[in-house]
Amino acid sequence: MGLRCSFCGKSDAEIAKLAAGPGGLHICNECVEVCRTIMADGEVPPDRFDPETWPTERLLGALKALDDTANSYGEHLARAVDALRRREVSWAKIAQPLGISRQSAWERFS
């Protein structure tokens, strides 16, 4: 199984280039162009990245990559929390941006 764009779900065989980002995210050259359009205040169809609009085969093909990305990004989050704890940032301060209690943060990441 090849890699897939985390934004449009296309496989690396369907696009020209694919760049890896943090937490297992990937972005294809086509989606980079869409991002450039957005940054230049251009109009992009609102459903461009909506899986509801993807062909069934693309959506099925993307499921494993989406699951892998979710798991990898969870690991990325845990590494960020670990870095904050090494800096002696309190569980309360870590919990606040996550919208959870101090106790929940401690239980989730310790």
Protein backbone atom coordinates (compact mmCIF):
# COMPACT_ATOMS: atom_id res chain seq x y z
CA MET A 1 0.00 0.00 0.00
CA GLY A 2 1.37 3.41 -0.95
CA LEU A 3 1.10 6.70 0.82
CA ARG A 4 -1.90 9.01 0.46
CA CYS A 5 -2.56 12.70 0.74
CA SER A 6 -4.13 13.43 4.12
CA PHE A 7 -6.23 16.20 2.58
CA CYS A 8 -7.71 14.76 -0.63
CA GLY A 9 -7.12 11.04 -0.11
CA LYS A 10 -5.40 10.51 -3.46
CA SER A 11 -2.69 7.85 -3.55
CA ASP A 12 0.91 8.62 -4.39
CA ALA A 13 0.25 6.91 -7.75
CA GLU A 14 -2.47 9.47 -8.59
CA ILE A 15 -0.42 12.62 -8.03
CA ALA A 16 2.97 14.00 -9.04
CA LYS A 17 4.49 14.66 -5.59
CA LEU A 18 3.70 13.94 -1.96
CA ALA A 19 5.36 15.70 0.99
CA ALA A 20 5.46 14.31 4.52
CA GLY A 21 4.67 16.50 7.49
CA PRO A 22 4.51 16.03 11.26
CA GLY A 23 2.43 13.32 12.84
CA GLY A 24 2.08 11.21 9.71
CA LEU A 25 0.37 13.90 7.66
CA HIS A 26 1.04 14.05 3.94
CA ILE A 27 0.10 16.66 1.36
CA CYS A 28 0.15 16.32 -2.42
CA ASN A 29 1.21 18.91 -4.96
CA GLU A 30 -2.43 19.45 -5.98
CA CYS A 31 -3.49 20.28 -2.42
CA VAL A 32 -0.47 22.58 -2.02
CA GLU A 33 -1.81 24.53 -5.01
CA VAL A 34 -5.24 24.72 -3.34
CA CYS A 35 -3.53 26.01 -0.17
CA ARG A 36 -1.72 28.65 -2.20
CA THR A 37 -5.05 29.75 -3.64
CA ILE A 38 -6.55 29.95 -0.15
CA MET A 39 -3.57 31.96 1.15
CA ALA A 40 -3.97 34.37 -1.75
CA ASP A 41 -7.63 34.84 -0.71
CA GLY A 42 -8.82 32.88 -3.69
CA GLU A 43 -12.02 30.90 -3.87
CA VAL A 44 -11.85 27.16 -3.33
CA PRO A 45 -14.91 24.91 -3.47
CA PRO A 46 -15.95 24.30 0.17
CA ASP A 47 -16.19 20.55 -0.39
CA ARG A 48 -12.69 20.21 -1.86
CA PHE A 49 -11.43 18.20 1.14
CA ASP A 50 -14.75 16.62 2.14
CA PRO A 51 -14.63 12.79 2.02
CA GLU A 52 -18.35 12.85 1.15
CA THR A 53 -17.31 14.05 -2.32
CA TRP A 54 -14.55 11.46 -2.88
CA PRO A 55 -15.19 8.49 -5.17
CA THR A 56 -15.95 5.29 -3.22
CA GLU A 57 -12.71 3.56 -4.25
CA ARG A 58 -10.61 6.53 -3.12
CA LEU A 59 -12.46 6.68 0.18
CA LEU A 60 -12.00 2.95 0.77
CA GLY A 61 -8.34 3.19 -0.20
CA ALA A 62 -7.80 6.08 2.17
CA LEU A 63 -9.22 4.44 5.29
CA LYS A 64 -6.00 2.71 6.38
CA ALA A 65 -3.92 5.84 5.71
CA LEU A 66 -6.41 7.97 7.67
CA ASP A 67 -6.30 5.54 10.59
CA ASP A 68 -2.49 5.47 10.48
CA THR A 69 -2.43 9.28 10.43
CA ALA A 70 -4.80 9.51 13.40
CA ASN A 71 -2.65 7.10 15.40
CA SER A 72 0.57 8.83 14.40
CA TYR A 73 -0.80 12.26 15.24
CA GLY A 74 -1.87 10.93 18.64
CA GLU A 75 1.75 9.90 19.19
CA HIS A 76 2.86 13.35 18.03
CA LEU A 77 0.52 14.93 20.61
CA ALA A 78 1.90 12.67 23.33
CA ARG A 79 5.47 13.73 22.45
CA ALA A 80 4.41 17.40 22.68
CA VAL A 81 2.89 16.79 26.12
CA ASP A 82 6.05 14.94 27.20
CA ALA A 83 8.13 17.94 26.11
CA LEU A 84 5.91 20.27 28.15
CA ARG A 85 6.17 18.04 31.22
CA ARG A 86 9.99 17.97 30.92
CA ARG A 87 9.74 21.79 31.01
CA GLU A 88 7.76 21.38 34.24
CA VAL A 89 4.54 22.76 32.76
CA SER A 90 1.65 21.78 35.05
CA TRP A 91 -1.06 19.32 34.11
CA ALA A 92 -3.57 22.15 34.58
CA LYS A 93 -1.85 24.30 31.94
CA ILE A 94 -1.63 21.34 29.55
CA ALA A 95 -5.29 20.46 30.12
CA GLN A 96 -6.61 23.96 29.45
CA PRO A 97 -6.00 24.17 25.65
CA LEU A 98 -7.25 20.60 25.30
CA GLY A 99 -10.52 21.52 27.00
CA ILE A 100 -10.19 18.76 29.58
CA SER A 101 -9.60 18.61 33.31
CA ARG A 102 -6.17 18.41 34.90
CA GLN A 103 -7.04 14.90 36.09
CA SER A 104 -8.10 13.83 32.58
CA ALA A 105 -4.85 15.15 31.10
CA TRP A 106 -2.82 13.30 33.71
CA GLU A 107 -4.75 10.06 33.09
CA ARG A 108 -4.48 10.37 29.32
CA PHE A 109 -0.78 11.25 29.04
CA SER A 110 1.02 9.92 32.12
